[in-house]
Amino acid sequence: MSPDKKTIGVSAESQRILDIISDKTMYHDQVDSGRFAVAYALARGLEPEKSTDLSTKWNIGSFDSSGDLRSSILAFCPECETPYRYAEGLLSSGLLALKAHIEVQGQLDFELLLEELNQD
């Protein structure tokens, strides 16, 4: 078992998407956007992206201070041994899915996102 992450990193593309979400939504704090992207990826059943060339963005204490994201990941994926490494991949895949949604809708339409989740 490899040790879990102590920090969450983002790729340059993920950072661009975080900037877009910060500009176009109520999530002006990028850590909130990041947590939302992880939760959205979990809810959609997205596979974590295997990103390389990541820049450290947040430490675990600020990204998941309550441990709720870790608990959620373990509930959805009980075989996961490194939930924060998994979260880093979910962050990328969730952000890519949200970017595609913004490209179609022109914004993050939370009502539509919830409707889509109910259809999955």
PDB file of N, CA and C in Angstrom:
ATOM      1  N   MET A   1       0.843  -1.181   0.000  1.00  0.00           N
ATOM      2  CA  MET A   1       0.000   0.000   0.000  1.00  0.00           C
ATOM      3  C   MET A   1       0.889   1.245   0.000  1.00  0.00           C
ATOM      4  N   SER A   2       0.640   2.127  -0.929  1.00  0.00           N
ATOM      5  CA  SER A   2       1.414   3.367  -0.975  1.00  0.00           C
ATOM      6  C   SER A   2       0.773   4.392  -0.036  1.00  0.00           C
ATOM      7  N   PRO A   3       1.575   5.266   0.520  1.00  0.00           N
ATOM      8  CA  PRO A   3       1.009   6.264   1.428  1.00  0.00           C
ATOM      9  C   PRO A   3       0.082   7.215   0.669  1.00  0.00           C
ATOM     10  N   ASP A   4      -0.902   7.683   1.397  1.00  0.00           N
ATOM     11  CA  ASP A   4      -1.858   8.593   0.773  1.00  0.00           C
ATOM     12  C   ASP A   4      -1.261   9.992   0.657  1.00  0.00           C
ATOM     13  N   LYS A   5      -1.900  10.799  -0.137  1.00  0.00           N
ATOM     14  CA  LYS A   5      -1.453  12.176  -0.384  1.00  0.00           C
ATOM     15  C   LYS A   5      -1.647  13.032   0.870  1.00  0.00           C
ATOM     16  N   LYS A   6      -0.792  14.004   1.020  1.00  0.00           N
ATOM     17  CA  LYS A   6      -0.926  14.998   2.082  1.00  0.00           C
ATOM     18  C   LYS A   6      -1.313  16.351   1.500  1.00  0.00           C
ATOM     19  N   THR A   7      -1.235  16.431   0.163  1.00  0.00           N
ATOM     20  CA  THR A   7      -1.643  17.640  -0.546  1.00  0.00           C
ATOM     21  C   THR A   7      -2.432  17.224  -1.784  1.00  0.00           C
ATOM     22  N   ILE A   8      -3.232  18.143  -2.268  1.00  0.00           N
ATOM     23  CA  ILE A   8      -4.004  17.944  -3.495  1.00  0.00           C
ATOM     24  C   ILE A   8      -3.400  18.857  -4.555  1.00  0.00           C
ATOM     25  N   GLY A   9      -3.063  18.258  -5.687  1.00  0.00           N
ATOM     26  CA  GLY A   9      -2.493  19.022  -6.785  1.00  0.00           C
ATOM     27  C   GLY A   9      -3.466  19.134  -7.945  1.00  0.00           C
ATOM     28  N   VAL A  10      -3.240  20.122  -8.775  1.00  0.00           N
ATOM     29  CA  VAL A  10      -4.064  20.316  -9.972  1.00  0.00           C
ATOM     30  C   VAL A  10      -3.157  20.523 -11.174  1.00  0.00           C
ATOM     31  N   SER A  11      -3.656  20.107 -12.321  1.00  0.00           N
ATOM     32  CA  SER A  11      -2.951  20.347 -13.577  1.00  0.00           C
ATOM     33  C   SER A  11      -3.221  21.778 -14.022  1.00  0.00           C
ATOM     34  N   ALA A  12      -2.504  22.213 -15.031  1.00  0.00           N
ATOM     35  CA  ALA A  12      -2.732  23.557 -15.581  1.00  0.00           C
ATOM     36  C   ALA A  12      -4.157  23.667 -16.129  1.00  0.00           C
ATOM     37  N   GLU A  13      -4.652  22.600 -16.778  1.00  0.00           N
ATOM     38  CA  GLU A  13      -6.020  22.615 -17.310  1.00  0.00           C
ATOM     39  C   GLU A  13      -7.033  22.686 -16.176  1.00  0.00           C
ATOM     40  N   SER A  14      -6.821  21.914 -15.126  1.00  0.00           N
ATOM     41  CA  SER A  14      -7.736  21.970 -13.978  1.00  0.00           C
ATOM     42  C   SER A  14      -7.744  23.365 -13.359  1.00  0.00           C
ATOM     43  N   GLN A  15      -6.590  24.002 -13.282  1.00  0.00           N
ATOM     44  CA  GLN A  15      -6.540  25.356 -12.729  1.00  0.00           C
ATOM     45  C   GLN A  15      -7.322  26.328 -13.608  1.00  0.00           C
ATOM     46  N   ARG A  16      -7.234  26.177 -14.926  1.00  0.00           N
ATOM     47  CA  ARG A  16      -8.012  27.040 -15.828  1.00  0.00           C
ATOM     48  C   ARG A  16      -9.514  26.853 -15.578  1.00  0.00           C
ATOM     49  N   ILE A  17      -9.929  25.606 -15.379  1.00  0.00           N
ATOM     50  CA  ILE A  17     -11.349  25.340 -15.136  1.00  0.00           C
ATOM     51  C   ILE A  17     -11.770  25.916 -13.783  1.00  0.00           C
ATOM     52  N   LEU A  18     -10.938  25.769 -12.767  1.00  0.00           N
ATOM     53  CA  LEU A  18     -11.236  26.364 -11.459  1.00  0.00           C
ATOM     54  C   LEU A  18     -11.413  27.870 -11.587  1.00  0.00           C
ATOM     55  N   ASP A  19     -10.576  28.512 -12.401  1.00  0.00           N
ATOM     56  CA  ASP A  19     -10.690  29.960 -12.613  1.00  0.00           C
ATOM     57  C   ASP A  19     -12.023  30.310 -13.273  1.00  0.00           C
ATOM     58  N   ILE A  20     -12.430  29.509 -14.247  1.00  0.00           N
ATOM     59  CA  ILE A  20     -13.716  29.738 -14.930  1.00  0.00           C
ATOM     60  C   ILE A  20     -14.866  29.587 -13.942  1.00  0.00           C
ATOM     61  N   ILE A  21     -14.846  28.521 -13.157  1.00  0.00           N
ATOM     62  CA  ILE A  21     -15.917  28.280 -12.191  1.00  0.00           C
ATOM     63  C   ILE A  21     -15.964  29.407 -11.165  1.00  0.00           C
ATOM     64  N   SER A  22     -14.824  29.869 -10.723  1.00  0.00           N
ATOM     65  CA  SER A  22     -14.779  30.977  -9.757  1.00  0.00           C
ATOM     66  C   SER A  22     -15.385  32.248 -10.333  1.00  0.00           C
ATOM     67  N   ASP A  23     -15.181  32.459 -11.629  1.00  0.00           N
ATOM     68  CA  ASP A  23     -15.718  33.653 -12.285  1.00  0.00           C
ATOM     69  C   ASP A  23     -17.212  33.539 -12.573  1.00  0.00           C
ATOM     70  N   LYS A  24     -17.722  32.322 -12.796  1.00  0.00           N
ATOM     71  CA  LYS A  24     -19.081  32.150 -13.286  1.00  0.00           C
ATOM     72  C   LYS A  24     -20.077  31.601 -12.263  1.00  0.00           C
ATOM     73  N   THR A  25     -19.654  31.368 -11.029  1.00  0.00           N
ATOM     74  CA  THR A  25     -20.570  30.768 -10.058  1.00  0.00           C
ATOM     75  C   THR A  25     -20.457  31.444  -8.714  1.00  0.00           C
ATOM     76  N   MET A  26     -21.242  30.902  -7.793  1.00  0.00           N
ATOM     77  CA  MET A  26     -21.185  31.370  -6.406  1.00  0.00           C
ATOM     78  C   MET A  26     -19.950  30.847  -5.697  1.00  0.00           C
ATOM     79  N   TYR A  27     -19.244  29.882  -6.305  1.00  0.00           N
ATOM     80  CA  TYR A  27     -18.043  29.311  -5.703  1.00  0.00           C
ATOM     81  C   TYR A  27     -16.836  30.190  -6.022  1.00  0.00           C
ATOM     82  N   HIS A  28     -16.699  31.276  -5.295  1.00  0.00           N
ATOM     83  CA  HIS A  28     -15.567  32.168  -5.535  1.00  0.00           C
ATOM     84  C   HIS A  28     -14.295  31.646  -4.876  1.00  0.00           C
ATOM     85  N   ASP A  29     -14.466  30.831  -3.834  1.00  0.00           N
ATOM     86  CA  ASP A  29     -13.327  30.191  -3.180  1.00  0.00           C
ATOM     87  C   ASP A  29     -13.049  28.891  -3.936  1.00  0.00           C
ATOM     88  N   GLN A  30     -11.895  28.780  -4.516  1.00  0.00           N
ATOM     89  CA  GLN A  30     -11.610  27.634  -5.376  1.00  0.00           C
ATOM     90  C   GLN A  30     -11.615  26.309  -4.632  1.00  0.00           C
ATOM     91  N   VAL A  31     -11.373  26.314  -3.330  1.00  0.00           N
ATOM     92  CA  VAL A  31     -11.435  25.054  -2.594  1.00  0.00           C
ATOM     93  C   VAL A  31     -12.876  24.526  -2.595  1.00  0.00           C
ATOM     94  N   ASP A  32     -13.876  25.416  -2.535  1.00  0.00           N
ATOM     95  CA  ASP A  32     -15.271  24.979  -2.623  1.00  0.00           C
ATOM     96  C   ASP A  32     -15.560  24.384  -3.998  1.00  0.00           C
ATOM     97  N   SER A  33     -15.027  25.016  -5.040  1.00  0.00           N
ATOM     98  CA  SER A  33     -15.192  24.481  -6.399  1.00  0.00           C
ATOM     99  C   SER A  33     -14.547  23.113  -6.515  1.00  0.00           C
ATOM    100  N   GLY A  34     -13.385  22.957  -5.924  1.00  0.00           N
ATOM    101  CA  GLY A  34     -12.693  21.672  -5.965  1.00  0.00           C
ATOM    102  C   GLY A  34     -13.459  20.578  -5.249  1.00  0.00           C
ATOM    103  N   ARG A  35     -13.960  20.889  -4.071  1.00  0.00           N
ATOM    104  CA  ARG A  35     -14.755  19.890  -3.332  1.00  0.00           C
ATOM    105  C   ARG A  35     -16.013  19.531  -4.106  1.00  0.00           C
ATOM    106  N   PHE A  36     -16.659  20.537  -4.703  1.00  0.00           N
ATOM    107  CA  PHE A  36     -17.851  20.267  -5.506  1.00  0.00           C
ATOM    108  C   PHE A  36     -17.507  19.355  -6.683  1.00  0.00           C
ATOM    109  N   ALA A  37     -16.395  19.605  -7.341  1.00  0.00           N
ATOM    110  CA  ALA A  37     -15.988  18.780  -8.487  1.00  0.00           C
ATOM    111  C   ALA A  37     -15.760  17.330  -8.063  1.00  0.00           C
ATOM    112  N   VAL A  38     -15.146  17.114  -6.899  1.00  0.00           N
ATOM    113  CA  VAL A  38     -14.935  15.749  -6.402  1.00  0.00           C
ATOM    114  C   VAL A  38     -16.280  15.089  -6.119  1.00  0.00           C
ATOM    115  N   ALA A  39     -17.173  15.786  -5.429  1.00  0.00           N
ATOM    116  CA  ALA A  39     -18.487  15.230  -5.109  1.00  0.00           C
ATOM    117  C   ALA A  39     -19.287  14.937  -6.382  1.00  0.00           C
ATOM    118  N   TYR A  40     -19.214  15.829  -7.346  1.00  0.00           N
ATOM    119  CA  TYR A  40     -19.922  15.636  -8.613  1.00  0.00           C
ATOM    120  C   TYR A  40     -19.384  14.406  -9.346  1.00  0.00           C
ATOM    121  N   ALA A  41     -18.073  14.260  -9.377  1.00  0.00           N
ATOM    122  CA  ALA A  41     -17.473  13.087 -10.032  1.00  0.00           C
ATOM    123  C   ALA A  41     -17.897  11.803  -9.335  1.00  0.00           C
ATOM    124  N   LEU A  42     -17.933  11.815  -8.016  1.00  0.00           N
ATOM    125  CA  LEU A  42     -18.387  10.632  -7.268  1.00  0.00           C
ATOM    126  C   LEU A  42     -19.837  10.307  -7.607  1.00  0.00           C
ATOM    127  N   ALA A  43     -20.689  11.321  -7.581  1.00  0.00           N
ATOM    128  CA  ALA A  43     -22.110  11.117  -7.852  1.00  0.00           C
ATOM    129  C   ALA A  43     -22.356  10.613  -9.269  1.00  0.00           C
ATOM    130  N   ARG A  44     -21.563  11.073 -10.224  1.00  0.00           N
ATOM    131  CA  ARG A  44     -21.705  10.639 -11.614  1.00  0.00           C
ATOM    132  C   ARG A  44     -21.027   9.302 -11.887  1.00  0.00           C
ATOM    133  N   GLY A  45     -20.243   8.817 -10.949  1.00  0.00           N
ATOM    134  CA  GLY A  45     -19.525   7.566 -11.164  1.00  0.00           C
ATOM    135  C   GLY A  45     -18.380   7.706 -12.146  1.00  0.00           C
ATOM    136  N   LEU A  46     -17.795   8.904 -12.217  1.00  0.00           N
ATOM    137  CA  LEU A  46     -16.696   9.141 -13.142  1.00  0.00           C
ATOM    138  C   LEU A  46     -15.433   8.445 -12.651  1.00  0.00           C
ATOM    139  N   GLU A  47     -14.625   8.011 -13.585  1.00  0.00           N
ATOM    140  CA  GLU A  47     -13.328   7.432 -13.255  1.00  0.00           C
ATOM    141  C   GLU A  47     -12.341   8.565 -12.982  1.00  0.00           C
ATOM    142  N   PRO A  48     -11.470   8.389 -12.005  1.00  0.00           N
ATOM    143  CA  PRO A  48     -10.472   9.430 -11.744  1.00  0.00           C
ATOM    144  C   PRO A  48      -9.498   9.566 -12.912  1.00  0.00           C
ATOM    145  N   GLU A  49      -9.187  10.789 -13.260  1.00  0.00           N
ATOM    146  CA  GLU A  49      -8.200  11.066 -14.294  1.00  0.00           C
ATOM    147  C   GLU A  49      -6.809  10.749 -13.758  1.00  0.00           C
ATOM    148  N   LYS A  50      -5.980  10.231 -14.609  1.00  0.00           N
ATOM    149  CA  LYS A  50      -4.576   9.991 -14.258  1.00  0.00           C
ATOM    150  C   LYS A  50      -3.776  11.175 -14.762  1.00  0.00           C
ATOM    151  N   SER A  51      -3.697  12.202 -13.957  1.00  0.00           N
ATOM    152  CA  SER A  51      -3.010  13.431 -14.353  1.00  0.00           C
ATOM    153  C   SER A  51      -1.551  13.389 -13.938  1.00  0.00           C
ATOM    154  N   THR A  52      -0.755  14.050 -14.732  1.00  0.00           N
ATOM    155  CA  THR A  52       0.656  14.214 -14.401  1.00  0.00           C
ATOM    156  C   THR A  52       0.957  15.704 -14.389  1.00  0.00           C
ATOM    157  N   ASP A  53       2.121  16.046 -13.955  1.00  0.00           N
ATOM    158  CA  ASP A  53       2.556  17.440 -13.929  1.00  0.00           C
ATOM    159  C   ASP A  53       1.588  18.307 -13.127  1.00  0.00           C
ATOM    160  N   LEU A  54       1.347  17.890 -11.886  1.00  0.00           N
ATOM    161  CA  LEU A  54       0.431  18.605 -11.010  1.00  0.00           C
ATOM    162  C   LEU A  54       1.187  19.605 -10.144  1.00  0.00           C
ATOM    163  N   SER A  55       0.553  20.735  -9.910  1.00  0.00           N
ATOM    164  CA  SER A  55       1.082  21.732  -8.979  1.00  0.00           C
ATOM    165  C   SER A  55       0.272  21.648  -7.692  1.00  0.00           C
ATOM    166  N   THR A  56       0.961  21.656  -6.571  1.00  0.00           N
ATOM    167  CA  THR A  56       0.275  21.592  -5.291  1.00  0.00           C
ATOM    168  C   THR A  56      -0.674  22.776  -5.151  1.00  0.00           C
ATOM    169  N   LYS A  57      -1.903  22.478  -4.759  1.00  0.00           N
ATOM    170  CA  LYS A  57      -2.932  23.515  -4.626  1.00  0.00           C
ATOM    171  C   LYS A  57      -3.387  23.669  -3.174  1.00  0.00           C
ATOM    172  N   TRP A  58      -3.717  22.555  -2.522  1.00  0.00           N
ATOM    173  CA  TRP A  58      -4.240  22.602  -1.164  1.00  0.00           C
ATOM    174  C   TRP A  58      -3.620  21.492  -0.327  1.00  0.00           C
ATOM    175  N   ASN A  59      -3.493  21.745   0.970  1.00  0.00           N
ATOM    176  CA  ASN A  59      -3.148  20.648   1.854  1.00  0.00           C
ATOM    177  C   ASN A  59      -4.454  19.972   2.271  1.00  0.00           C
ATOM    178  N   ILE A  60      -4.349  18.760   2.745  1.00  0.00           N
ATOM    179  CA  ILE A  60      -5.545  17.990   3.091  1.00  0.00           C
ATOM    180  C   ILE A  60      -6.356  18.687   4.183  1.00  0.00           C
ATOM    181  N   GLY A  61      -5.671  19.326   5.130  1.00  0.00           N
ATOM    182  CA  GLY A  61      -6.370  20.017   6.206  1.00  0.00           C
ATOM    183  C   GLY A  61      -7.294  21.121   5.729  1.00  0.00           C
ATOM    184  N   SER A  62      -6.940  21.804   4.671  1.00  0.00           N
ATOM    185  CA  SER A  62      -7.820  22.852   4.150  1.00  0.00           C
ATOM    186  C   SER A  62      -8.799  22.305   3.112  1.00  0.00           C
ATOM    187  N   PHE A  63      -8.428  21.255   2.398  1.00  0.00           N
ATOM    188  CA  PHE A  63      -9.309  20.698   1.373  1.00  0.00           C
ATOM    189  C   PHE A  63     -10.422  19.854   1.986  1.00  0.00           C
ATOM    190  N   ASP A  64     -10.110  19.125   3.042  1.00  0.00           N
ATOM    191  CA  ASP A  64     -11.091  18.220   3.650  1.00  0.00           C
ATOM    192  C   ASP A  64     -10.942  18.245   5.164  1.00  0.00           C
ATOM    193  N   SER A  65     -11.132  19.408   5.758  1.00  0.00           N
ATOM    194  CA  SER A  65     -10.893  19.572   7.193  1.00  0.00           C
ATOM    195  C   SER A  65     -11.787  18.679   8.045  1.00  0.00           C
ATOM    196  N   SER A  66     -12.993  18.398   7.596  1.00  0.00           N
ATOM    197  CA  SER A  66     -13.920  17.563   8.361  1.00  0.00           C
ATOM    198  C   SER A  66     -13.722  16.072   8.113  1.00  0.00           C
ATOM    199  N   GLY A  67     -13.044  15.732   7.015  1.00  0.00           N
ATOM    200  CA  GLY A  67     -12.890  14.325   6.640  1.00  0.00           C
ATOM    201  C   GLY A  67     -14.084  13.770   5.887  1.00  0.00           C
ATOM    202  N   ASP A  68     -15.070  14.622   5.583  1.00  0.00           N
ATOM    203  CA  ASP A  68     -16.280  14.159   4.897  1.00  0.00           C
ATOM    204  C   ASP A  68     -16.008  13.645   3.486  1.00  0.00           C
ATOM    205  N   LEU A  69     -15.117  14.315   2.750  1.00  0.00           N
ATOM    206  CA  LEU A  69     -14.805  13.826   1.395  1.00  0.00           C
ATOM    207  C   LEU A  69     -14.145  12.454   1.458  1.00  0.00           C
ATOM    208  N   ARG A  70     -13.223  12.294   2.371  1.00  0.00           N
ATOM    209  CA  ARG A  70     -12.554  11.000   2.541  1.00  0.00           C
ATOM    210  C   ARG A  70     -13.593   9.921   2.851  1.00  0.00           C
ATOM    211  N   SER A  71     -14.493  10.213   3.780  1.00  0.00           N
ATOM    212  CA  SER A  71     -15.541   9.250   4.143  1.00  0.00           C
ATOM    213  C   SER A  71     -16.441   8.928   2.953  1.00  0.00           C
ATOM    214  N   SER A  72     -16.766   9.934   2.172  1.00  0.00           N
ATOM    215  CA  SER A  72     -17.618   9.720   0.995  1.00  0.00           C
ATOM    216  C   SER A  72     -16.924   8.838  -0.027  1.00  0.00           C
ATOM    217  N   ILE A  73     -15.654   9.109  -0.264  1.00  0.00           N
ATOM    218  CA  ILE A  73     -14.904   8.295  -1.219  1.00  0.00           C
ATOM    219  C   ILE A  73     -14.854   6.850  -0.747  1.00  0.00           C
ATOM    220  N   LEU A  74     -14.599   6.640   0.533  1.00  0.00           N
ATOM    221  CA  LEU A  74     -14.539   5.269   1.051  1.00  0.00           C
ATOM    222  C   LEU A  74     -15.907   4.594   1.018  1.00  0.00           C
ATOM    223  N   ALA A  75     -16.987   5.359   1.156  1.00  0.00           N
ATOM    224  CA  ALA A  75     -18.329   4.785   1.056  1.00  0.00           C
ATOM    225  C   ALA A  75     -18.625   4.334  -0.377  1.00  0.00           C
ATOM    226  N   PHE A  76     -18.214   5.138  -1.356  1.00  0.00           N
ATOM    227  CA  PHE A  76     -18.444   4.801  -2.763  1.00  0.00           C
ATOM    228  C   PHE A  76     -17.453   3.755  -3.257  1.00  0.00           C
ATOM    229  N   CYS A  77     -16.253   3.779  -2.722  1.00  0.00           N
ATOM    230  CA  CYS A  77     -15.171   2.902  -3.189  1.00  0.00           C
ATOM    231  C   CYS A  77     -14.468   2.279  -1.983  1.00  0.00           C
ATOM    232  N   PRO A  78     -15.116   1.317  -1.320  1.00  0.00           N
ATOM    233  CA  PRO A  78     -14.542   0.766  -0.091  1.00  0.00           C
ATOM    234  C   PRO A  78     -13.181   0.091  -0.276  1.00  0.00           C
ATOM    235  N   GLU A  79     -12.860  -0.303  -1.498  1.00  0.00           N
ATOM    236  CA  GLU A  79     -11.564  -0.933  -1.758  1.00  0.00           C
ATOM    237  C   GLU A  79     -10.429   0.077  -1.899  1.00  0.00           C
ATOM    238  N   CYS A  80     -10.764   1.357  -1.929  1.00  0.00           N
ATOM    239  CA  CYS A  80      -9.766   2.409  -2.111  1.00  0.00           C
ATOM    240  C   CYS A  80      -8.869   2.493  -0.880  1.00  0.00           C
ATOM    241  N   GLU A  81      -7.575   2.398  -1.106  1.00  0.00           N
ATOM    242  CA  GLU A  81      -6.614   2.468  -0.003  1.00  0.00           C
ATOM    243  C   GLU A  81      -5.994   3.852   0.161  1.00  0.00           C
ATOM    244  N   THR A  82      -6.122   4.676  -0.860  1.00  0.00           N
ATOM    245  CA  THR A  82      -5.558   6.029  -0.808  1.00  0.00           C
ATOM    246  C   THR A  82      -6.626   7.031  -1.268  1.00  0.00           C
ATOM    247  N   PRO A  83      -7.571   7.351  -0.379  1.00  0.00           N
ATOM    248  CA  PRO A  83      -8.704   8.186  -0.798  1.00  0.00           C
ATOM    249  C   PRO A  83      -8.326   9.585  -1.280  1.00  0.00           C
ATOM    250  N   TYR A  84      -7.253  10.154  -0.752  1.00  0.00           N
ATOM    251  CA  TYR A  84      -6.898  11.497  -1.224  1.00  0.00           C
ATOM    252  C   TYR A  84      -6.203  11.455  -2.581  1.00  0.00           C
ATOM    253  N   ARG A  85      -5.490  10.416  -2.861  1.00  0.00           N
ATOM    254  CA  ARG A  85      -4.928  10.232  -4.204  1.00  0.00           C
ATOM    255  C   ARG A  85      -6.089  10.054  -5.198  1.00  0.00           C
ATOM    256  N   TYR A  86      -7.098   9.282  -4.776  1.00  0.00           N
ATOM    257  CA  TYR A  86      -8.300   9.073  -5.591  1.00  0.00           C
ATOM    258  C   TYR A  86      -9.040  10.403  -5.778  1.00  0.00           C
ATOM    259  N   ALA A  87      -9.145  11.196  -4.702  1.00  0.00           N
ATOM    260  CA  ALA A  87      -9.823  12.495  -4.777  1.00  0.00           C
ATOM    261  C   ALA A  87      -9.149  13.415  -5.782  1.00  0.00           C
ATOM    262  N   GLU A  88      -7.825  13.371  -5.825  1.00  0.00           N
ATOM    263  CA  GLU A  88      -7.082  14.200  -6.775  1.00  0.00           C
ATOM    264  C   GLU A  88      -7.477  13.850  -8.208  1.00  0.00           C
ATOM    265  N   GLY A  89      -7.624  12.558  -8.496  1.00  0.00           N
ATOM    266  CA  GLY A  89      -8.068  12.137  -9.823  1.00  0.00           C
ATOM    267  C   GLY A  89      -9.510  12.498 -10.090  1.00  0.00           C
ATOM    268  N   LEU A  90     -10.371  12.357  -9.058  1.00  0.00           N
ATOM    269  CA  LEU A  90     -11.783  12.741  -9.207  1.00  0.00           C
ATOM    270  C   LEU A  90     -11.919  14.238  -9.425  1.00  0.00           C
ATOM    271  N   LEU A  91     -11.062  15.002  -8.794  1.00  0.00           N
ATOM    272  CA  LEU A  91     -11.071  16.454  -8.989  1.00  0.00           C
ATOM    273  C   LEU A  91     -10.889  16.776 -10.465  1.00  0.00           C
ATOM    274  N   SER A  92      -9.913  16.152 -11.095  1.00  0.00           N
ATOM    275  CA  SER A  92      -9.660  16.400 -12.524  1.00  0.00           C
ATOM    276  C   SER A  92     -10.833  15.972 -13.380  1.00  0.00           C
ATOM    277  N   SER A  93     -11.360  14.766 -13.149  1.00  0.00           N
ATOM    278  CA  SER A  93     -12.467  14.293 -13.990  1.00  0.00           C
ATOM    279  C   SER A  93     -13.738  15.099 -13.733  1.00  0.00           C
ATOM    280  N   GLY A  94     -13.975  15.479 -12.488  1.00  0.00           N
ATOM    281  CA  GLY A  94     -15.144  16.311 -12.185  1.00  0.00           C
ATOM    282  C   GLY A  94     -15.049  17.681 -12.830  1.00  0.00           C
ATOM    283  N   LEU A  95     -13.864  18.274 -12.787  1.00  0.00           N
ATOM    284  CA  LEU A  95     -13.687  19.586 -13.417  1.00  0.00           C
ATOM    285  C   LEU A  95     -13.868  19.505 -14.931  1.00  0.00           C
ATOM    286  N   LEU A  96     -13.370  18.458 -15.549  1.00  0.00           N
ATOM    287  CA  LEU A  96     -13.562  18.307 -17.001  1.00  0.00           C
ATOM    288  C   LEU A  96     -15.044  18.175 -17.347  1.00  0.00           C
ATOM    289  N   ALA A  97     -15.788  17.425 -16.542  1.00  0.00           N
ATOM    290  CA  ALA A  97     -17.229  17.274 -16.785  1.00  0.00           C
ATOM    291  C   ALA A  97     -17.956  18.599 -16.576  1.00  0.00           C
ATOM    292  N   LEU A  98     -17.562  19.348 -15.564  1.00  0.00           N
ATOM    293  CA  LEU A  98     -18.190  20.649 -15.317  1.00  0.00           C
ATOM    294  C   LEU A  98     -17.850  21.638 -16.422  1.00  0.00           C
ATOM    295  N   LYS A  99     -16.627  21.563 -16.942  1.00  0.00           N
ATOM    296  CA  LYS A  99     -16.243  22.425 -18.065  1.00  0.00           C
ATOM    297  C   LYS A  99     -17.127  22.128 -19.283  1.00  0.00           C
ATOM    298  N   ALA A 100     -17.364  20.859 -19.564  1.00  0.00           N
ATOM    299  CA  ALA A 100     -18.230  20.489 -20.689  1.00  0.00           C
ATOM    300  C   ALA A 100     -19.646  21.021 -20.476  1.00  0.00           C
ATOM    301  N   HIS A 101     -20.130  20.949 -19.260  1.00  0.00           N
ATOM    302  CA  HIS A 101     -21.459  21.473 -18.934  1.00  0.00           C
ATOM    303  C   HIS A 101     -21.508  22.986 -19.175  1.00  0.00           C
ATOM    304  N   ILE A 102     -20.484  23.694 -18.722  1.00  0.00           N
ATOM    305  CA  ILE A 102     -20.426  25.152 -18.917  1.00  0.00           C
ATOM    306  C   ILE A 102     -20.380  25.502 -20.401  1.00  0.00           C
ATOM    307  N   GLU A 103     -19.645  24.720 -21.182  1.00  0.00           N
ATOM    308  CA  GLU A 103     -19.547  24.993 -22.623  1.00  0.00           C
ATOM    309  C   GLU A 103     -20.906  24.865 -23.304  1.00  0.00           C
ATOM    310  N   VAL A 104     -21.739  23.948 -22.836  1.00  0.00           N
ATOM    311  CA  VAL A 104     -23.075  23.760 -23.424  1.00  0.00           C
ATOM    312  C   VAL A 104     -24.061  24.786 -22.874  1.00  0.00           C
ATOM    313  N   GLN A 105     -24.039  24.983 -21.555  1.00  0.00           N
ATOM    314  CA  GLN A 105     -25.045  25.814 -20.895  1.00  0.00           C
ATOM    315  C   GLN A 105     -24.653  27.293 -20.763  1.00  0.00           C
ATOM    316  N   GLY A 106     -23.363  27.594 -20.899  1.00  0.00           N
ATOM    317  CA  GLY A 106     -22.900  28.961 -20.708  1.00  0.00           C
ATOM    318  C   GLY A 106     -22.642  29.315 -19.254  1.00  0.00           C
ATOM    319  N   GLN A 107     -22.995  28.423 -18.371  1.00  0.00           N
ATOM    320  CA  GLN A 107     -22.806  28.614 -16.933  1.00  0.00           C
ATOM    321  C   GLN A 107     -22.994  27.270 -16.239  1.00  0.00           C
ATOM    322  N   LEU A 108     -22.730  27.234 -14.942  1.00  0.00           N
ATOM    323  CA  LEU A 108     -23.065  26.042 -14.175  1.00  0.00           C
ATOM    324  C   LEU A 108     -24.519  26.168 -13.760  1.00  0.00           C
ATOM    325  N   ASP A 109     -25.354  25.339 -14.326  1.00  0.00           N
ATOM    326  CA  ASP A 109     -26.777  25.319 -14.003  1.00  0.00           C
ATOM    327  C   ASP A 109     -26.986  24.196 -12.992  1.00  0.00           C
ATOM    328  N   PHE A 110     -27.024  24.551 -11.703  1.00  0.00           N
ATOM    329  CA  PHE A 110     -27.077  23.549 -10.650  1.00  0.00           C
ATOM    330  C   PHE A 110     -28.364  22.722 -10.701  1.00  0.00           C
ATOM    331  N   GLU A 111     -29.455  23.342 -11.069  1.00  0.00           N
ATOM    332  CA  GLU A 111     -30.714  22.605 -11.197  1.00  0.00           C
ATOM    333  C   GLU A 111     -30.591  21.532 -12.278  1.00  0.00           C
ATOM    334  N   LEU A 112     -30.023  21.888 -13.405  1.00  0.00           N
ATOM    335  CA  LEU A 112     -29.828  20.926 -14.490  1.00  0.00           C
ATOM    336  C   LEU A 112     -28.843  19.833 -14.089  1.00  0.00           C
ATOM    337  N   LEU A 113     -27.783  20.193 -13.380  1.00  0.00           N
ATOM    338  CA  LEU A 113     -26.824  19.201 -12.911  1.00  0.00           C
ATOM    339  C   LEU A 113     -27.508  18.175 -12.005  1.00  0.00           C
ATOM    340  N   LEU A 114     -28.385  18.639 -11.123  1.00  0.00           N
ATOM    341  CA  LEU A 114     -29.107  17.710 -10.238  1.00  0.00           C
ATOM    342  C   LEU A 114     -30.064  16.834 -11.032  1.00  0.00           C
ATOM    343  N   GLU A 115     -30.728  17.402 -12.020  1.00  0.00           N
ATOM    344  CA  GLU A 115     -31.606  16.591 -12.880  1.00  0.00           C
ATOM    345  C   GLU A 115     -30.820  15.504 -13.597  1.00  0.00           C
ATOM    346  N   GLU A 116     -29.634  15.859 -14.101  1.00  0.00           N
ATOM    347  CA  GLU A 116     -28.789  14.893 -14.785  1.00  0.00           C
ATOM    348  C   GLU A 116     -28.363  13.765 -13.844  1.00  0.00           C
ATOM    349  N   LEU A 117     -28.052  14.116 -12.605  1.00  0.00           N
ATOM    350  CA  LEU A 117     -27.662  13.091 -11.625  1.00  0.00           C
ATOM    351  C   LEU A 117     -28.813  12.143 -11.339  1.00  0.00           C
ATOM    352  N   ASN A 118     -30.028  12.668 -11.319  1.00  0.00           N
ATOM    353  CA  ASN A 118     -31.193  11.810 -11.061  1.00  0.00           C
ATOM    354  C   ASN A 118     -31.495  10.884 -12.215  1.00  0.00           C
ATOM    355  N   GLN A 119     -31.019  11.215 -13.427  1.00  0.00           N
ATOM    356  CA  GLN A 119     -31.239  10.370 -14.597  1.00  0.00           C
ATOM    357  C   GLN A 119     -30.217   9.257 -14.705  1.00  0.00           C
ATOM    358  N   ASP A 120     -29.058   9.431 -14.081  1.00  0.00           N
ATOM    359  CA  ASP A 120     -27.995   8.413 -14.165  1.00  0.00           C
ATOM    360  C   ASP A 120     -28.372   7.165 -13.415  1.00  0.00           C
TER     361      ASP A 120
END
